Amino acid sequence: MSDLGTVAWPPALIKTERLVLREPEARDRAAFIELLASPEVHTYLGGPRPRDELERKTPEVPEQWPGSFVVELGGAMIGQILLRRATGHRRPAAAGKADLGYLFLPRAWGFGYAAEACAAALGWVAGALSGEPVVLTTQTANVGSMRLAAKLGFTEVERFEAWGAEQWLGMWSPATLSD
């Protein structure tokens, strides 16, 4: 999140059965460029960024800020989890809440890594920001993200039109896990 308040950053490594969530490092630069330049990854995100621009502008240690986790499998970056405050959000229901985003390289799709990594990040939020709800926005046409949101326990708050497509806003709350 762009404002984590008093939460210590970076957190200890978050380990799942197959993955590690950690702070970005210099060795991740090439994978970040691949992720941001991928037409497949950015199908529902406004299109990829030009690779030559990314090569010039990406810092040595990319995306190093509180709330940016690298998702690592077998020592290599396969994706990114983003947690930020939803500031200036188009929807009042999301404003000020923790906002979950994720990007995974196409070669990592279809193995359940996104669900595993996002569940671990939500577990971290539940511990670090006790009781705080998390929002997620995706295009309804993005079937994979809609399925992932449901699997993670996000419930629909509303649908709305933005960027020329129908969007879905869902909310997750750690309180609902014990209900």
N, C-alpha and C. Protein backbone atom coordinates (compact mmCIF):
# COMPACT_ATOMS: atom_id res chain seq x y z
N MET A 1 0.85 -1.16 0.00
CA MET A 1 0.00 0.00 0.00
C MET A 1 0.90 1.22 0.00
N SER A 2 0.45 2.25 -0.61
CA SER A 2 1.30 3.42 -0.65
C SER A 2 1.48 4.01 0.74
N ASP A 3 0.56 3.75 1.65
CA ASP A 3 0.69 4.23 3.02
C ASP A 3 0.41 3.06 3.96
N LEU A 4 1.47 2.45 4.45
CA LEU A 4 1.31 1.32 5.35
C LEU A 4 1.28 1.73 6.81
N GLY A 5 1.35 3.04 7.04
CA GLY A 5 1.29 3.51 8.41
C GLY A 5 2.44 2.98 9.23
N THR A 6 2.13 2.29 10.30
CA THR A 6 3.16 1.82 11.23
C THR A 6 3.62 0.39 10.96
N VAL A 7 3.17 -0.21 9.86
CA VAL A 7 3.56 -1.58 9.54
C VAL A 7 5.03 -1.60 9.14
N ALA A 8 5.79 -2.50 9.74
CA ALA A 8 7.22 -2.62 9.42
C ALA A 8 7.39 -3.16 8.00
N TRP A 9 8.28 -2.54 7.27
CA TRP A 9 8.55 -2.97 5.90
C TRP A 9 10.05 -3.04 5.67
N PRO A 10 10.57 -4.02 5.00
CA PRO A 10 9.82 -5.16 4.47
C PRO A 10 9.51 -6.18 5.56
N PRO A 11 8.45 -6.94 5.35
CA PRO A 11 8.14 -8.00 6.33
C PRO A 11 9.11 -9.16 6.16
N ALA A 12 9.06 -10.08 7.08
CA ALA A 12 9.83 -11.32 6.92
C ALA A 12 9.34 -12.02 5.67
N LEU A 13 10.18 -12.87 5.10
CA LEU A 13 9.75 -13.63 3.94
C LEU A 13 8.45 -14.35 4.24
N ILE A 14 7.56 -14.36 3.27
CA ILE A 14 6.31 -15.11 3.40
C ILE A 14 6.48 -16.36 2.54
N LYS A 15 6.43 -17.52 3.18
CA LYS A 15 6.63 -18.77 2.46
C LYS A 15 5.34 -19.56 2.42
N THR A 16 5.03 -20.09 1.25
CA THR A 16 3.90 -20.99 1.09
C THR A 16 4.47 -22.36 0.75
N GLU A 17 3.60 -23.27 0.39
CA GLU A 17 4.06 -24.61 0.04
C GLU A 17 5.08 -24.58 -1.12
N ARG A 18 4.84 -23.71 -2.11
CA ARG A 18 5.71 -23.69 -3.29
C ARG A 18 6.39 -22.35 -3.56
N LEU A 19 5.95 -21.30 -2.91
CA LEU A 19 6.38 -19.95 -3.28
C LEU A 19 7.01 -19.19 -2.12
N VAL A 20 7.70 -18.12 -2.47
CA VAL A 20 8.21 -17.16 -1.50
C VAL A 20 7.74 -15.78 -1.96
N LEU A 21 7.19 -15.00 -1.03
CA LEU A 21 6.86 -13.60 -1.29
C LEU A 21 7.90 -12.78 -0.55
N ARG A 22 8.55 -11.87 -1.30
CA ARG A 22 9.64 -11.10 -0.73
C ARG A 22 9.70 -9.73 -1.38
N GLU A 23 10.57 -8.90 -0.83
CA GLU A 23 10.80 -7.57 -1.37
C GLU A 23 11.55 -7.70 -2.71
N PRO A 24 11.27 -6.82 -3.69
CA PRO A 24 12.02 -6.85 -4.94
C PRO A 24 13.52 -6.61 -4.73
N GLU A 25 14.31 -7.23 -5.61
CA GLU A 25 15.77 -7.10 -5.58
C GLU A 25 16.27 -6.80 -6.99
N ALA A 26 17.52 -6.41 -7.10
CA ALA A 26 18.11 -6.07 -8.41
C ALA A 26 18.02 -7.24 -9.38
N ARG A 27 18.14 -8.47 -8.90
CA ARG A 27 18.08 -9.64 -9.79
C ARG A 27 16.73 -9.84 -10.46
N ASP A 28 15.71 -9.08 -10.02
CA ASP A 28 14.35 -9.21 -10.57
C ASP A 28 14.09 -8.27 -11.75
N ARG A 29 15.03 -7.40 -12.05
CA ARG A 29 14.80 -6.35 -13.06
C ARG A 29 14.33 -6.92 -14.40
N ALA A 30 15.01 -7.92 -14.92
CA ALA A 30 14.63 -8.49 -16.22
C ALA A 30 13.22 -9.08 -16.19
N ALA A 31 12.86 -9.74 -15.10
CA ALA A 31 11.51 -10.31 -14.99
C ALA A 31 10.45 -9.21 -14.90
N PHE A 32 10.76 -8.11 -14.20
CA PHE A 32 9.82 -6.98 -14.16
C PHE A 32 9.60 -6.42 -15.55
N ILE A 33 10.67 -6.26 -16.31
CA ILE A 33 10.54 -5.73 -17.67
C ILE A 33 9.70 -6.68 -18.52
N GLU A 34 9.96 -7.97 -18.39
CA GLU A 34 9.17 -8.97 -19.14
C GLU A 34 7.69 -8.88 -18.75
N LEU A 35 7.43 -8.76 -17.46
CA LEU A 35 6.05 -8.67 -16.96
C LEU A 35 5.33 -7.43 -17.49
N LEU A 36 5.99 -6.29 -17.46
CA LEU A 36 5.36 -5.03 -17.87
C LEU A 36 5.26 -4.89 -19.39
N ALA A 37 6.09 -5.61 -20.14
CA ALA A 37 6.08 -5.55 -21.60
C ALA A 37 5.20 -6.64 -22.23
N SER A 38 4.67 -7.54 -21.43
CA SER A 38 3.92 -8.68 -21.96
C SER A 38 2.52 -8.30 -22.44
N PRO A 39 2.22 -8.53 -23.72
CA PRO A 39 0.86 -8.27 -24.22
C PRO A 39 -0.18 -9.16 -23.53
N GLU A 40 0.19 -10.41 -23.22
CA GLU A 40 -0.75 -11.31 -22.56
C GLU A 40 -1.11 -10.83 -21.16
N VAL A 41 -0.11 -10.41 -20.40
CA VAL A 41 -0.33 -9.94 -19.03
C VAL A 41 -1.21 -8.69 -19.03
N HIS A 42 -1.03 -7.85 -20.03
CA HIS A 42 -1.72 -6.55 -20.04
C HIS A 42 -2.95 -6.51 -20.95
N THR A 43 -3.50 -7.67 -21.30
CA THR A 43 -4.70 -7.72 -22.13
C THR A 43 -5.83 -6.89 -21.52
N TYR A 44 -6.02 -6.95 -20.21
CA TYR A 44 -7.11 -6.24 -19.54
C TYR A 44 -6.61 -5.04 -18.74
N LEU A 45 -5.38 -4.63 -18.99
CA LEU A 45 -4.78 -3.54 -18.22
C LEU A 45 -4.30 -2.39 -19.10
N GLY A 46 -4.93 -2.21 -20.24
CA GLY A 46 -4.57 -1.08 -21.09
C GLY A 46 -3.43 -1.31 -22.04
N GLY A 47 -2.94 -2.53 -22.14
CA GLY A 47 -1.87 -2.85 -23.07
C GLY A 47 -0.50 -2.77 -22.44
N PRO A 48 0.47 -3.44 -23.07
CA PRO A 48 1.83 -3.48 -22.52
C PRO A 48 2.56 -2.16 -22.72
N ARG A 49 3.61 -1.98 -21.95
CA ARG A 49 4.48 -0.82 -22.13
C ARG A 49 5.60 -1.21 -23.09
N PRO A 50 6.11 -0.25 -23.86
CA PRO A 50 7.19 -0.57 -24.81
C PRO A 50 8.45 -1.05 -24.09
N ARG A 51 9.00 -2.18 -24.55
CA ARG A 51 10.17 -2.79 -23.92
C ARG A 51 11.36 -1.82 -23.89
N ASP A 52 11.60 -1.08 -24.98
CA ASP A 52 12.75 -0.17 -25.00
C ASP A 52 12.61 0.93 -23.95
N GLU A 53 11.39 1.41 -23.75
CA GLU A 53 11.14 2.41 -22.70
C GLU A 53 11.39 1.82 -21.32
N LEU A 54 10.93 0.59 -21.11
CA LEU A 54 11.13 -0.09 -19.82
C LEU A 54 12.62 -0.31 -19.56
N GLU A 55 13.36 -0.70 -20.59
CA GLU A 55 14.80 -0.92 -20.43
C GLU A 55 15.50 0.37 -19.98
N ARG A 56 15.05 1.50 -20.52
CA ARG A 56 15.66 2.80 -20.16
C ARG A 56 15.23 3.29 -18.78
N LYS A 57 13.97 3.10 -18.44
CA LYS A 57 13.40 3.75 -17.25
C LYS A 57 13.30 2.88 -16.00
N THR A 58 13.41 1.58 -16.13
CA THR A 58 13.27 0.72 -14.96
C THR A 58 14.53 0.83 -14.10
N PRO A 59 14.36 1.17 -12.82
CA PRO A 59 15.53 1.29 -11.94
C PRO A 59 16.19 -0.07 -11.68
N GLU A 60 17.38 0.00 -11.12
CA GLU A 60 18.13 -1.22 -10.83
C GLU A 60 17.33 -2.17 -9.95
N VAL A 61 16.66 -1.60 -8.94
CA VAL A 61 15.77 -2.41 -8.09
C VAL A 61 14.35 -1.90 -8.34
N PRO A 62 13.61 -2.56 -9.23
CA PRO A 62 12.28 -2.09 -9.60
C PRO A 62 11.23 -2.31 -8.52
N GLU A 63 10.22 -1.43 -8.55
CA GLU A 63 9.02 -1.58 -7.71
C GLU A 63 9.34 -1.81 -6.23
N GLN A 64 10.37 -1.16 -5.73
CA GLN A 64 10.74 -1.34 -4.34
C GLN A 64 10.05 -0.28 -3.49
N TRP A 65 8.88 -0.64 -2.98
CA TRP A 65 8.11 0.24 -2.11
C TRP A 65 7.21 -0.64 -1.25
N PRO A 66 6.80 -0.13 -0.10
CA PRO A 66 5.94 -0.92 0.78
C PRO A 66 4.68 -1.40 0.07
N GLY A 67 4.44 -2.69 0.12
CA GLY A 67 3.27 -3.29 -0.49
C GLY A 67 3.57 -4.00 -1.80
N SER A 68 4.80 -3.93 -2.28
CA SER A 68 5.18 -4.62 -3.52
C SER A 68 5.96 -5.88 -3.17
N PHE A 69 5.37 -7.02 -3.45
CA PHE A 69 5.99 -8.32 -3.19
C PHE A 69 6.36 -8.99 -4.51
N VAL A 70 7.54 -9.52 -4.61
CA VAL A 70 7.91 -10.41 -5.70
C VAL A 70 7.40 -11.79 -5.30
N VAL A 71 6.85 -12.51 -6.28
CA VAL A 71 6.47 -13.90 -6.07
C VAL A 71 7.55 -14.74 -6.74
N GLU A 72 8.21 -15.56 -5.93
CA GLU A 72 9.35 -16.34 -6.39
C GLU A 72 9.02 -17.83 -6.35
N LEU A 73 9.43 -18.52 -7.41
CA LEU A 73 9.29 -19.96 -7.50
C LEU A 73 10.66 -20.52 -7.87
N GLY A 74 11.20 -21.39 -7.05
CA GLY A 74 12.49 -22.00 -7.35
C GLY A 74 13.60 -21.00 -7.57
N GLY A 75 13.58 -19.89 -6.85
CA GLY A 75 14.63 -18.88 -6.94
C GLY A 75 14.44 -17.84 -8.02
N ALA A 76 13.36 -17.95 -8.82
CA ALA A 76 13.13 -16.98 -9.90
C ALA A 76 11.78 -16.29 -9.73
N MET A 77 11.74 -15.01 -10.10
CA MET A 77 10.50 -14.24 -10.04
C MET A 77 9.53 -14.73 -11.11
N ILE A 78 8.27 -15.01 -10.68
CA ILE A 78 7.23 -15.39 -11.64
C ILE A 78 6.07 -14.40 -11.63
N GLY A 79 6.08 -13.48 -10.66
CA GLY A 79 4.97 -12.54 -10.58
C GLY A 79 5.17 -11.50 -9.50
N GLN A 80 4.14 -10.69 -9.35
CA GLN A 80 4.18 -9.60 -8.37
C GLN A 80 2.80 -9.49 -7.72
N ILE A 81 2.81 -9.25 -6.41
CA ILE A 81 1.60 -8.92 -5.66
C ILE A 81 1.74 -7.46 -5.27
N LEU A 82 0.68 -6.69 -5.46
CA LEU A 82 0.67 -5.27 -5.13
C LEU A 82 -0.42 -5.00 -4.11
N LEU A 83 -0.04 -4.37 -3.02
CA LEU A 83 -1.00 -3.93 -2.01
C LEU A 83 -0.78 -2.43 -1.82
N ARG A 84 -1.85 -1.66 -2.08
CA ARG A 84 -1.78 -0.20 -1.93
C ARG A 84 -3.08 0.30 -1.35
N ARG A 85 -3.03 1.53 -0.90
CA ARG A 85 -4.27 2.19 -0.49
C ARG A 85 -5.01 2.61 -1.75
N ALA A 86 -6.28 2.36 -1.79
CA ALA A 86 -7.11 2.77 -2.93
C ALA A 86 -7.43 4.25 -2.76
N THR A 87 -6.51 5.09 -3.19
CA THR A 87 -6.73 6.54 -3.12
C THR A 87 -7.14 7.02 -4.49
N GLY A 88 -8.03 7.97 -4.55
CA GLY A 88 -8.49 8.49 -5.82
C GLY A 88 -9.23 7.44 -6.64
N HIS A 89 -9.74 6.41 -6.00
CA HIS A 89 -10.45 5.34 -6.70
C HIS A 89 -11.77 5.87 -7.25
N ARG A 90 -12.16 5.36 -8.38
CA ARG A 90 -13.40 5.77 -9.04
C ARG A 90 -14.64 5.39 -8.24
N ARG A 91 -14.52 4.44 -7.33
CA ARG A 91 -15.67 3.94 -6.59
C ARG A 91 -15.54 4.27 -5.12
N PRO A 92 -16.53 4.94 -4.55
CA PRO A 92 -16.49 5.30 -3.12
C PRO A 92 -16.31 4.10 -2.19
N ALA A 93 -16.87 2.95 -2.57
CA ALA A 93 -16.76 1.75 -1.71
C ALA A 93 -15.32 1.30 -1.53
N ALA A 94 -14.44 1.67 -2.45
CA ALA A 94 -13.04 1.24 -2.39
C ALA A 94 -12.12 2.26 -1.74
N ALA A 95 -12.53 3.50 -1.69
CA ALA A 95 -11.65 4.58 -1.25
C ALA A 95 -11.07 4.32 0.13
N GLY A 96 -9.73 4.44 0.22
CA GLY A 96 -9.02 4.31 1.49
C GLY A 96 -8.76 2.89 1.94
N LYS A 97 -9.32 1.91 1.25
CA LYS A 97 -9.12 0.51 1.65
C LYS A 97 -7.86 -0.05 1.01
N ALA A 98 -7.40 -1.15 1.55
CA ALA A 98 -6.28 -1.87 0.95
C ALA A 98 -6.76 -2.43 -0.39
N ASP A 99 -5.95 -2.28 -1.42
CA ASP A 99 -6.30 -2.70 -2.78
C ASP A 99 -5.30 -3.76 -3.23
N LEU A 100 -5.78 -4.94 -3.61
CA LEU A 100 -4.93 -6.05 -4.04
C LEU A 100 -4.83 -6.06 -5.56
N GLY A 101 -3.60 -6.14 -6.05
CA GLY A 101 -3.35 -6.32 -7.47
C GLY A 101 -2.31 -7.41 -7.64
N TYR A 102 -2.26 -7.99 -8.82
CA TYR A 102 -1.30 -9.07 -9.07
C TYR A 102 -1.02 -9.15 -10.56
N LEU A 103 0.21 -9.52 -10.88
CA LEU A 103 0.65 -9.75 -12.24
C LEU A 103 1.52 -11.00 -12.22
N PHE A 104 1.26 -11.91 -13.16
CA PHE A 104 2.08 -13.13 -13.25
C PHE A 104 2.50 -13.34 -14.69
N LEU A 105 3.73 -13.81 -14.86
CA LEU A 105 4.22 -14.12 -16.20
C LEU A 105 3.37 -15.25 -16.81
N PRO A 106 3.08 -15.18 -18.10
CA PRO A 106 2.22 -16.20 -18.72
C PRO A 106 2.69 -17.64 -18.48
N ARG A 107 4.00 -17.87 -18.41
CA ARG A 107 4.48 -19.23 -18.19
C ARG A 107 4.10 -19.77 -16.80
N ALA A 108 3.66 -18.88 -15.90
CA ALA A 108 3.26 -19.29 -14.55
C ALA A 108 1.74 -19.44 -14.43
N TRP A 109 1.01 -19.19 -15.50
CA TRP A 109 -0.45 -19.29 -15.46
C TRP A 109 -0.90 -20.75 -15.44
N GLY A 110 -2.01 -20.99 -14.75
CA GLY A 110 -2.64 -22.31 -14.79
C GLY A 110 -2.13 -23.31 -13.77
N PHE A 111 -1.27 -22.88 -12.86
CA PHE A 111 -0.72 -23.79 -11.86
C PHE A 111 -1.18 -23.48 -10.44
N GLY A 112 -2.05 -22.47 -10.28
CA GLY A 112 -2.53 -22.10 -8.96
C GLY A 112 -1.60 -21.18 -8.19
N TYR A 113 -0.54 -20.69 -8.82
CA TYR A 113 0.42 -19.83 -8.13
C TYR A 113 -0.22 -18.50 -7.69
N ALA A 114 -1.05 -17.91 -8.55
CA ALA A 114 -1.68 -16.64 -8.20
C ALA A 114 -2.56 -16.80 -6.97
N ALA A 115 -3.35 -17.86 -6.93
CA ALA A 115 -4.22 -18.10 -5.76
C ALA A 115 -3.38 -18.31 -4.50
N GLU A 116 -2.33 -19.09 -4.61
CA GLU A 116 -1.46 -19.37 -3.46
C GLU A 116 -0.78 -18.10 -2.96
N ALA A 117 -0.25 -17.30 -3.88
CA ALA A 117 0.46 -16.07 -3.50
C ALA A 117 -0.50 -15.02 -2.95
N CYS A 118 -1.65 -14.85 -3.60
CA CYS A 118 -2.62 -13.85 -3.13
C CYS A 118 -3.19 -14.24 -1.76
N ALA A 119 -3.45 -15.52 -1.55
CA ALA A 119 -3.94 -15.97 -0.24
C ALA A 119 -2.90 -15.68 0.84
N ALA A 120 -1.62 -15.89 0.52
CA ALA A 120 -0.56 -15.59 1.49
C ALA A 120 -0.49 -14.09 1.77
N ALA A 121 -0.63 -13.26 0.74
CA ALA A 121 -0.61 -11.81 0.93
C ALA A 121 -1.81 -11.35 1.75
N LEU A 122 -2.97 -11.94 1.51
CA LEU A 122 -4.16 -11.59 2.31
C LEU A 122 -3.97 -12.03 3.77
N GLY A 123 -3.33 -13.15 3.98
CA GLY A 123 -3.02 -13.59 5.34
C GLY A 123 -2.10 -12.60 6.03
N TRP A 124 -1.13 -12.07 5.28
CA TRP A 124 -0.23 -11.06 5.84
C TRP A 124 -1.02 -9.79 6.19
N VAL A 125 -1.91 -9.35 5.30
CA VAL A 125 -2.74 -8.16 5.58
C VAL A 125 -3.56 -8.39 6.84
N ALA A 126 -4.15 -9.58 6.97
CA ALA A 126 -4.99 -9.87 8.14
C ALA A 126 -4.19 -9.76 9.43
N GLY A 127 -2.92 -10.15 9.39
CA GLY A 127 -2.09 -10.04 10.58
C GLY A 127 -1.53 -8.65 10.80
N ALA A 128 -1.12 -7.99 9.73
CA ALA A 128 -0.47 -6.68 9.85
C ALA A 128 -1.45 -5.54 10.03
N LEU A 129 -2.63 -5.66 9.44
CA LEU A 129 -3.64 -4.60 9.50
C LEU A 129 -4.94 -5.22 9.99
N SER A 130 -4.93 -5.65 11.20
CA SER A 130 -6.00 -6.42 11.81
C SER A 130 -7.40 -5.92 11.44
N GLY A 131 -8.16 -6.82 10.85
CA GLY A 131 -9.56 -6.54 10.54
C GLY A 131 -9.80 -5.67 9.32
N GLU A 132 -8.75 -5.25 8.63
CA GLU A 132 -8.94 -4.34 7.50
C GLU A 132 -9.44 -5.07 6.26
N PRO A 133 -10.51 -4.56 5.63
CA PRO A 133 -10.97 -5.18 4.39
C PRO A 133 -10.04 -4.84 3.23
N VAL A 134 -10.08 -5.67 2.21
CA VAL A 134 -9.26 -5.50 1.02
C VAL A 134 -10.20 -5.48 -0.19
N VAL A 135 -9.92 -4.60 -1.15
CA VAL A 135 -10.72 -4.56 -2.38
C VAL A 135 -9.89 -5.06 -3.55
N LEU A 136 -10.59 -5.48 -4.57
CA LEU A 136 -9.98 -5.95 -5.80
C LEU A 136 -10.89 -5.51 -6.94
N THR A 137 -10.31 -4.95 -7.99
CA THR A 137 -11.07 -4.54 -9.17
C THR A 137 -10.51 -5.26 -10.38
N THR A 138 -11.38 -5.78 -11.22
CA THR A 138 -10.96 -6.43 -12.46
C THR A 138 -12.05 -6.25 -13.50
N GLN A 139 -11.70 -6.42 -14.75
CA GLN A 139 -12.71 -6.41 -15.81
C GLN A 139 -13.50 -7.71 -15.73
N THR A 140 -14.80 -7.63 -15.94
CA THR A 140 -15.62 -8.85 -15.92
C THR A 140 -15.21 -9.78 -17.06
N ALA A 141 -14.65 -9.25 -18.13
CA ALA A 141 -14.20 -10.08 -19.25
C ALA A 141 -12.96 -10.90 -18.89
N ASN A 142 -12.27 -10.53 -17.82
CA ASN A 142 -11.07 -11.26 -17.40
C ASN A 142 -11.52 -12.45 -16.55
N VAL A 143 -11.88 -13.52 -17.23
CA VAL A 143 -12.46 -14.70 -16.58
C VAL A 143 -11.52 -15.27 -15.52
N GLY A 144 -10.23 -15.32 -15.80
CA GLY A 144 -9.28 -15.85 -14.83
C GLY A 144 -9.25 -15.05 -13.55
N SER A 145 -9.25 -13.73 -13.65
CA SER A 145 -9.25 -12.89 -12.45
C SER A 145 -10.58 -12.96 -11.70
N MET A 146 -11.67 -13.10 -12.43
CA MET A 146 -12.97 -13.25 -11.77
C MET A 146 -13.00 -14.57 -10.97
N ARG A 147 -12.47 -15.63 -11.56
CA ARG A 147 -12.41 -16.93 -10.88
C ARG A 147 -11.51 -16.85 -9.65
N LEU A 148 -10.36 -16.17 -9.79
CA LEU A 148 -9.43 -16.03 -8.67
C LEU A 148 -10.07 -15.24 -7.53
N ALA A 149 -10.75 -14.15 -7.86
CA ALA A 149 -11.41 -13.34 -6.82
C ALA A 149 -12.41 -14.18 -6.03
N ALA A 150 -13.19 -15.00 -6.72
CA ALA A 150 -14.16 -15.86 -6.04
C ALA A 150 -13.44 -16.89 -5.17
N LYS A 151 -12.38 -17.49 -5.70
CA LYS A 151 -11.62 -18.50 -4.95
C LYS A 151 -11.02 -17.92 -3.67
N LEU A 152 -10.59 -16.65 -3.74
CA LEU A 152 -9.98 -15.99 -2.59
C LEU A 152 -11.01 -15.50 -1.57
N GLY A 153 -12.30 -15.54 -1.92
CA GLY A 153 -13.35 -15.13 -1.00
C GLY A 153 -13.79 -13.69 -1.14
N PHE A 154 -13.47 -13.04 -2.25
CA PHE A 154 -13.97 -11.69 -2.49
C PHE A 154 -15.44 -11.78 -2.87
N THR A 155 -16.23 -10.86 -2.34
CA THR A 155 -17.64 -10.81 -2.70
C THR A 155 -17.92 -9.54 -3.47
N GLU A 156 -18.81 -9.63 -4.42
CA GLU A 156 -19.11 -8.49 -5.28
C GLU A 156 -19.74 -7.34 -4.49
N VAL A 157 -19.18 -6.15 -4.72
CA VAL A 157 -19.74 -4.92 -4.16
C VAL A 157 -20.54 -4.22 -5.25
N GLU A 158 -19.93 -4.14 -6.44
CA GLU A 158 -20.64 -3.51 -7.55
C GLU A 158 -19.92 -3.78 -8.86
N ARG A 159 -20.66 -3.51 -9.93
CA ARG A 159 -20.10 -3.50 -11.28
C ARG A 159 -20.28 -2.11 -11.82
N PHE A 160 -19.32 -1.67 -12.63
CA PHE A 160 -19.38 -0.33 -13.18
C PHE A 160 -18.63 -0.28 -14.50
N GLU A 161 -18.88 0.74 -15.26
CA GLU A 161 -18.24 0.93 -16.56
C GLU A 161 -17.06 1.88 -16.39
N ALA A 162 -15.90 1.49 -16.89
CA ALA A 162 -14.71 2.34 -16.88
C ALA A 162 -13.74 1.84 -17.95
N TRP A 163 -12.99 2.74 -18.52
CA TRP A 163 -12.00 2.39 -19.54
C TRP A 163 -12.61 1.58 -20.67
N GLY A 164 -13.88 1.86 -20.99
CA GLY A 164 -14.55 1.20 -22.11
C GLY A 164 -14.93 -0.24 -21.87
N ALA A 165 -14.99 -0.67 -20.60
CA ALA A 165 -15.34 -2.06 -20.30
C ALA A 165 -16.03 -2.16 -18.94
N GLU A 166 -16.79 -3.23 -18.76
CA GLU A 166 -17.43 -3.46 -17.47
C GLU A 166 -16.38 -3.91 -16.46
N GLN A 167 -16.37 -3.28 -15.30
CA GLN A 167 -15.44 -3.58 -14.21
C GLN A 167 -16.21 -4.23 -13.06
N TRP A 168 -15.49 -5.01 -12.29
CA TRP A 168 -16.05 -5.69 -11.12
C TRP A 168 -15.25 -5.26 -9.90
N LEU A 169 -15.93 -4.84 -8.85
CA LEU A 169 -15.29 -4.47 -7.59
C LEU A 169 -15.75 -5.45 -6.53
N GLY A 170 -14.78 -6.13 -5.91
CA GLY A 170 -15.09 -7.08 -4.85
C GLY A 170 -14.38 -6.69 -3.57
N MET A 171 -14.87 -7.23 -2.45
CA MET A 171 -14.27 -6.94 -1.15
C MET A 171 -14.05 -8.24 -0.40
N TRP A 172 -12.94 -8.27 0.34
CA TRP A 172 -12.57 -9.40 1.20
C TRP A 172 -12.34 -8.84 2.59
N SER A 173 -12.79 -9.57 3.58
CA SER A 173 -12.57 -9.14 4.95
C SER A 173 -12.09 -10.33 5.78
N PRO A 174 -11.02 -10.14 6.56
CA PRO A 174 -10.56 -11.24 7.40
C PRO A 174 -11.62 -11.68 8.41
N ALA A 175 -12.54 -10.80 8.75
CA ALA A 175 -13.60 -11.14 9.71
C ALA A 175 -14.51 -12.23 9.16
N THR A 176 -14.68 -12.27 7.83
CA THR A 176 -15.56 -13.27 7.24
C THR A 176 -14.94 -14.67 7.28
N LEU A 177 -13.63 -14.76 7.51
CA LEU A 177 -13.00 -16.08 7.55
C LEU A 177 -13.46 -16.91 8.74
N SER A 178 -13.79 -16.24 9.83
CA SER A 178 -14.21 -16.99 11.02
C SER A 178 -15.72 -17.11 11.14
N ASP A 179 -16.46 -16.44 10.26
CA ASP A 179 -17.93 -16.50 10.30
C ASP A 179 -18.46 -17.82 9.78
